[in-house]
Amino acid sequence: MKILFLDCDGVINHNAWYRSQAYYDNDFLDPDIDPKVIERLNKLTNSKDVKIVISSSWKIASGCIERLRRVGLDNIIDITPNLIFSIPLEDYCRGMEIDAWLESVKSKCLPDVEKYLIIDDMNDFFDEQQRCFLLIDYQVGFSNDDLEYCLKTS
């Protein structure tokens, strides 16, 4: 199984989206989500048989998965555990939640994770996760260049 750990703010919504005419003319289902980014993510996950696990702080809000599915994001299977409130803040990093999710795969009887990619606009990950991390420019979100890179390397 191939997994994409997906952040939301700065990735599926971004500064260029909020400044664009498309945002103001938008009749899309959710104004905080750039529909072009959803198209790009679906192209990646559908063409490479990749499953999405939400690693964003959006997961704290109930209905996160439903919200993303409602705007057409395919292949979401889960969210990472929410550890930010269970450990001291100075010890926390998002990489802990990804490690915890990867460990939980064994107990959930899911197929083994053969490969994963973390897509985020902030680098809050362990050294060993850096080789599986793509830093997204929060000014432009998940771009066509990012998509092409992912398609070539996955």
Protein backbone atom coordinates (compact mmCIF):
# COMPACT_ATOMS: atom_id res chain seq x y z
CA MET A 1 0.00 0.00 0.00
CA LYS A 2 1.24 3.50 -0.88
CA ILE A 3 0.23 6.33 1.45
CA LEU A 4 0.09 10.09 1.05
CA PHE A 5 0.07 11.94 4.38
CA LEU A 6 -1.77 15.13 3.51
CA ASP A 7 -1.72 18.49 5.25
CA CYS A 8 -4.49 20.94 4.31
CA ASP A 9 -3.66 24.57 5.14
CA GLY A 10 -0.98 25.76 2.75
CA VAL A 11 -1.47 22.70 0.53
CA ILE A 12 -5.12 22.55 -0.58
CA ASN A 13 -5.72 26.19 0.30
CA HIS A 14 -3.00 28.77 -0.16
CA ASN A 15 -2.36 32.46 -0.52
CA ALA A 16 -2.61 32.50 -4.31
CA TRP A 17 -6.05 30.85 -4.12
CA TYR A 18 -7.39 33.43 -1.69
CA ARG A 19 -6.10 36.26 -3.93
CA SER A 20 -7.36 34.77 -7.19
CA GLN A 21 -10.41 35.84 -9.13
CA ALA A 22 -11.47 32.18 -9.18
CA TYR A 23 -11.85 32.34 -5.38
CA TYR A 24 -14.15 35.37 -5.64
CA ASP A 25 -16.12 33.93 -8.55
CA ASN A 26 -16.12 30.52 -6.91
CA ASP A 27 -19.24 28.41 -6.89
CA PHE A 28 -17.18 25.45 -5.67
CA LEU A 29 -18.54 23.47 -2.74
CA ASP A 30 -16.04 24.81 -0.21
CA PRO A 31 -14.40 28.24 -0.59
CA ASP A 32 -11.43 27.20 1.59
CA ILE A 33 -10.36 24.51 -0.86
CA ASP A 34 -8.78 25.15 -4.26
CA PRO A 35 -10.56 22.82 -6.72
CA LYS A 36 -7.46 22.67 -8.95
CA VAL A 37 -5.47 21.21 -6.06
CA ILE A 38 -8.16 18.56 -5.54
CA GLU A 39 -7.87 17.67 -9.25
CA ARG A 40 -4.07 17.37 -8.94
CA LEU A 41 -4.27 15.21 -5.82
CA ASN A 42 -6.84 12.94 -7.47
CA LYS A 43 -4.63 12.61 -10.55
CA LEU A 44 -1.75 11.53 -8.32
CA THR A 45 -3.66 9.12 -6.12
CA ASN A 46 -5.74 7.57 -8.89
CA SER A 47 -2.88 7.09 -11.34
CA LYS A 48 -0.45 5.68 -8.78
CA ASP A 49 -2.94 3.77 -6.56
CA VAL A 50 -2.13 5.91 -3.52
CA LYS A 51 -4.31 6.14 -0.42
CA ILE A 52 -4.62 9.39 1.57
CA VAL A 53 -4.24 9.72 5.31
CA ILE A 54 -5.04 13.20 6.62
CA SER A 55 -2.21 14.49 8.83
CA SER A 56 -3.48 18.06 8.99
CA SER A 57 -4.77 19.82 12.09
CA TRP A 58 -8.07 19.82 10.18
CA LYS A 59 -8.58 16.31 11.56
CA ILE A 60 -9.39 17.85 14.96
CA ALA A 61 -12.68 19.15 13.56
CA SER A 62 -15.39 16.55 13.26
CA GLY A 63 -16.36 15.88 9.69
CA CYS A 64 -12.92 16.53 8.19
CA ILE A 65 -12.97 13.44 5.97
CA GLU A 66 -16.55 14.08 4.90
CA ARG A 67 -15.71 17.70 4.06
CA LEU A 68 -12.83 16.64 1.83
CA ARG A 69 -14.85 13.88 0.19
CA ARG A 70 -17.72 16.31 -0.46
CA VAL A 71 -15.40 18.47 -2.61
CA GLY A 72 -14.30 15.39 -4.54
CA LEU A 73 -11.04 14.29 -2.93
CA ASP A 74 -10.70 10.57 -3.66
CA ASN A 75 -8.93 7.76 -1.84
CA ILE A 76 -9.04 9.03 1.77
CA ILE A 77 -8.77 6.08 4.12
CA ASP A 78 -7.95 7.54 7.54
CA ILE A 79 -6.53 10.33 9.70
CA THR A 80 -3.41 10.25 11.84
CA PRO A 81 -3.95 10.14 15.61
CA ASN A 82 -4.25 13.47 17.35
CA LEU A 83 -1.33 13.62 19.81
CA ILE A 84 -0.94 17.39 20.15
CA PHE A 85 -3.02 17.54 23.34
CA SER A 86 -1.60 14.39 24.93
CA ILE A 87 2.08 15.31 25.17
CA PRO A 88 3.91 18.48 26.19
CA LEU A 89 3.84 20.98 23.34
CA GLU A 90 7.62 21.42 23.37
CA ASP A 91 7.98 17.67 22.69
CA TYR A 92 5.36 17.51 19.93
CA CYS A 93 5.95 17.23 16.20
CA ARG A 94 3.59 16.06 13.46
CA GLY A 95 6.04 13.30 12.61
CA MET A 96 5.02 11.57 15.86
CA GLU A 97 1.46 11.25 14.59
CA ILE A 98 2.65 9.74 11.31
CA ASP A 99 4.83 7.24 13.15
CA ALA A 100 1.89 6.34 15.40
CA TRP A 101 -0.36 5.80 12.37
CA LEU A 102 2.25 3.63 10.64
CA GLU A 103 2.55 1.55 13.81
CA SER A 104 -1.24 1.20 14.05
CA VAL A 105 -1.45 -0.26 10.53
CA LYS A 106 -0.19 -3.53 11.98
CA SER A 107 -3.04 -3.74 14.50
CA LYS A 108 -5.75 -2.67 12.01
CA CYS A 109 -5.01 -5.58 9.65
CA LEU A 110 -4.32 -3.16 6.79
CA PRO A 111 -1.84 -4.07 4.07
CA ASP A 112 1.75 -3.16 4.81
CA VAL A 113 2.82 0.34 3.83
CA GLU A 114 5.41 -0.16 1.12
CA LYS A 115 5.97 3.54 0.47
CA TYR A 116 4.74 6.86 1.80
CA LEU A 117 5.02 10.55 1.06
CA ILE A 118 4.35 13.46 3.40
CA ILE A 119 3.02 16.60 1.71
CA ASP A 120 3.07 19.63 4.00
CA ASP A 121 3.94 23.32 3.96
CA MET A 122 5.82 23.06 7.27
CA ASN A 123 8.72 20.80 8.11
CA ASP A 124 7.71 19.25 11.41
CA PHE A 125 9.11 15.77 10.88
CA PHE A 126 11.85 13.46 12.11
CA ASP A 127 15.14 13.16 10.26
CA GLU A 128 14.27 9.68 8.96
CA GLN A 129 11.00 11.04 7.52
CA GLN A 130 12.79 13.73 5.49
CA ARG A 131 13.47 11.36 2.58
CA CYS A 132 9.67 10.92 2.24
CA PHE A 133 8.76 14.59 2.59
CA LEU A 134 7.80 17.18 -0.02
CA LEU A 135 7.77 20.77 1.23
CA ILE A 136 4.91 22.71 -0.36
CA ASP A 137 5.10 26.47 -0.88
CA TYR A 138 2.12 27.85 1.07
CA GLN A 139 1.99 30.75 -1.37
CA VAL A 140 0.91 28.47 -4.24
CA GLY A 141 -0.23 25.19 -2.64
CA PHE A 142 0.17 21.78 -4.29
CA SER A 143 1.21 22.94 -7.75
CA ASN A 144 1.52 21.33 -11.16
CA ASP A 145 5.28 21.15 -10.57
CA ASP A 146 4.68 19.32 -7.29
CA LEU A 147 2.32 16.91 -9.06
CA GLU A 148 4.86 16.20 -11.80
CA TYR A 149 7.57 15.56 -9.21
CA CYS A 150 5.30 13.13 -7.35
CA LEU A 151 4.30 11.31 -10.52
CA LYS A 152 7.95 10.85 -11.50
CA THR A 153 9.15 9.69 -8.09
CA SER A 154 6.29 7.47 -6.93
